[in-house]
Amino acid sequence: MKKVISVLVVVVMVAAMVSLVFAADKKKGTIKSVDAKAGSLVLAVDGGKDETLKADKAVDLGKLKAGDKVEVSIEKGVVKTLAVGDAAPAAKPKPKAAVGC
């Protein structure tokens, strides 16, 4: 019985780690419009359709303008990082808390 529980715990832990790896989605595109006050933007995704995205409060939308080429990192439907052209990301992701021993 202990062996079965141990194997089950390991399987659950592996599944949790894999889900963290695939949690963030990166997209490249061109800014169509920005509403810094509302914290949202419309992105014309390269090879796709336009998407209206909500930005995390840590992401500075004030310097963006229509026509900017960007790469965004999206987590749970919210833009977590945004890089304009070759620039560094406008917001750094928060470090995740250590889990385990």
Protein backbone atom coordinates (compact mmCIF):
# COMPACT_ATOMS: atom_id res chain seq x y z
CA MET A 1 0.00 0.00 0.00
CA LYS A 2 2.85 2.40 0.81
CA LYS A 3 4.37 1.74 -2.59
CA VAL A 4 1.13 2.60 -4.39
CA ILE A 5 0.77 5.85 -2.45
CA SER A 6 4.41 6.76 -3.14
CA VAL A 7 3.99 6.17 -6.87
CA LEU A 8 0.77 8.18 -6.89
CA VAL A 9 2.46 11.11 -5.12
CA VAL A 10 5.32 11.09 -7.64
CA VAL A 11 2.89 11.04 -10.59
CA VAL A 12 0.94 13.99 -9.17
CA MET A 13 4.15 15.96 -8.58
CA VAL A 14 5.39 15.34 -12.13
CA ALA A 15 2.03 16.39 -13.58
CA ALA A 16 2.11 19.60 -11.52
CA MET A 17 5.64 20.46 -12.74
CA VAL A 18 4.71 19.84 -16.37
CA SER A 19 1.67 22.11 -16.07
CA LEU A 20 3.90 24.93 -14.74
CA VAL A 21 6.22 24.62 -17.72
CA PHE A 22 3.37 25.03 -20.20
CA ALA A 23 1.45 27.68 -18.23
CA ALA A 24 2.90 30.71 -20.05
CA ASP A 25 2.08 31.35 -23.69
CA LYS A 26 4.26 33.65 -25.83
CA LYS A 27 2.92 35.56 -28.80
CA LYS A 28 4.48 37.99 -31.27
CA GLY A 29 2.61 40.65 -33.14
CA THR A 30 1.91 44.31 -33.79
CA ILE A 31 0.07 46.64 -31.42
CA LYS A 32 -3.16 47.91 -32.99
CA SER A 33 -4.30 50.00 -30.02
CA VAL A 34 -3.50 50.59 -26.34
CA ASP A 35 -5.68 51.74 -23.46
CA ALA A 36 -3.18 52.30 -20.64
CA LYS A 37 -5.86 53.50 -18.21
CA ALA A 38 -7.93 50.34 -18.70
CA GLY A 39 -4.78 48.19 -18.79
CA SER A 40 -5.60 46.56 -22.11
CA LEU A 41 -4.25 46.34 -25.64
CA VAL A 42 -5.25 44.96 -29.01
CA LEU A 43 -2.56 42.77 -30.57
CA ALA A 44 -2.51 41.72 -34.23
CA VAL A 45 -0.90 38.32 -33.67
CA ASP A 46 1.64 37.25 -36.32
CA GLY A 47 -0.05 34.57 -38.41
CA GLY A 48 -3.32 34.92 -36.52
CA LYS A 49 -6.18 37.21 -35.72
CA ASP A 50 -6.46 40.28 -33.50
CA GLU A 51 -6.67 39.66 -29.76
CA THR A 52 -7.72 42.03 -26.99
CA LEU A 53 -5.52 41.34 -23.98
CA LYS A 54 -5.58 42.50 -20.36
CA ALA A 55 -2.17 43.48 -18.94
CA ASP A 56 -0.81 42.79 -15.47
CA LYS A 57 -0.42 45.93 -13.34
CA ALA A 58 3.38 45.46 -13.46
CA VAL A 59 3.39 45.86 -17.27
CA ASP A 60 3.90 49.50 -18.37
CA LEU A 61 1.59 50.21 -21.29
CA GLY A 62 2.23 53.97 -21.19
CA LYS A 63 5.12 53.87 -23.69
CA LEU A 64 3.39 51.63 -26.24
CA LYS A 65 1.83 52.95 -29.41
CA ALA A 66 0.04 51.51 -32.41
CA GLY A 67 2.47 49.90 -34.83
CA ASP A 68 4.98 48.70 -32.20
CA LYS A 69 6.24 45.14 -32.79
CA VAL A 70 6.09 43.23 -29.50
CA GLU A 71 6.42 39.84 -27.88
CA VAL A 72 4.12 39.13 -24.95
CA SER A 73 4.08 36.38 -22.35
CA ILE A 74 0.54 35.46 -21.32
CA GLU A 75 -0.38 33.56 -18.17
CA LYS A 76 -4.01 32.74 -17.35
CA GLY A 77 -5.22 35.22 -19.95
CA VAL A 78 -3.15 38.13 -18.59
CA VAL A 79 -0.04 39.70 -20.18
CA LYS A 80 2.77 39.18 -17.66
CA THR A 81 5.72 40.46 -19.70
CA LEU A 82 5.98 42.58 -22.80
CA ALA A 83 9.06 43.28 -24.91
CA VAL A 84 9.10 45.91 -27.65
CA GLY A 85 11.36 45.01 -30.57
CA ASP A 86 14.71 43.90 -29.13
CA ALA A 87 14.17 45.73 -25.82
CA ALA A 88 14.18 44.07 -22.43
CA PRO A 89 10.79 43.05 -21.01
CA ALA A 90 8.79 45.91 -19.47
CA ALA A 91 7.96 43.78 -16.42
CA LYS A 92 9.82 40.85 -14.91
CA PRO A 93 7.87 37.82 -13.78
CA LYS A 94 7.69 37.39 -10.04
CA PRO A 95 9.86 34.52 -8.77
CA LYS A 96 7.86 31.47 -7.85
CA ALA A 97 7.98 30.26 -4.28
CA ALA A 98 10.14 27.22 -3.60
CA VAL A 99 8.19 24.03 -3.10
CA GLY A 100 9.41 21.03 -1.20
CA CYS A 101 12.31 20.43 1.10
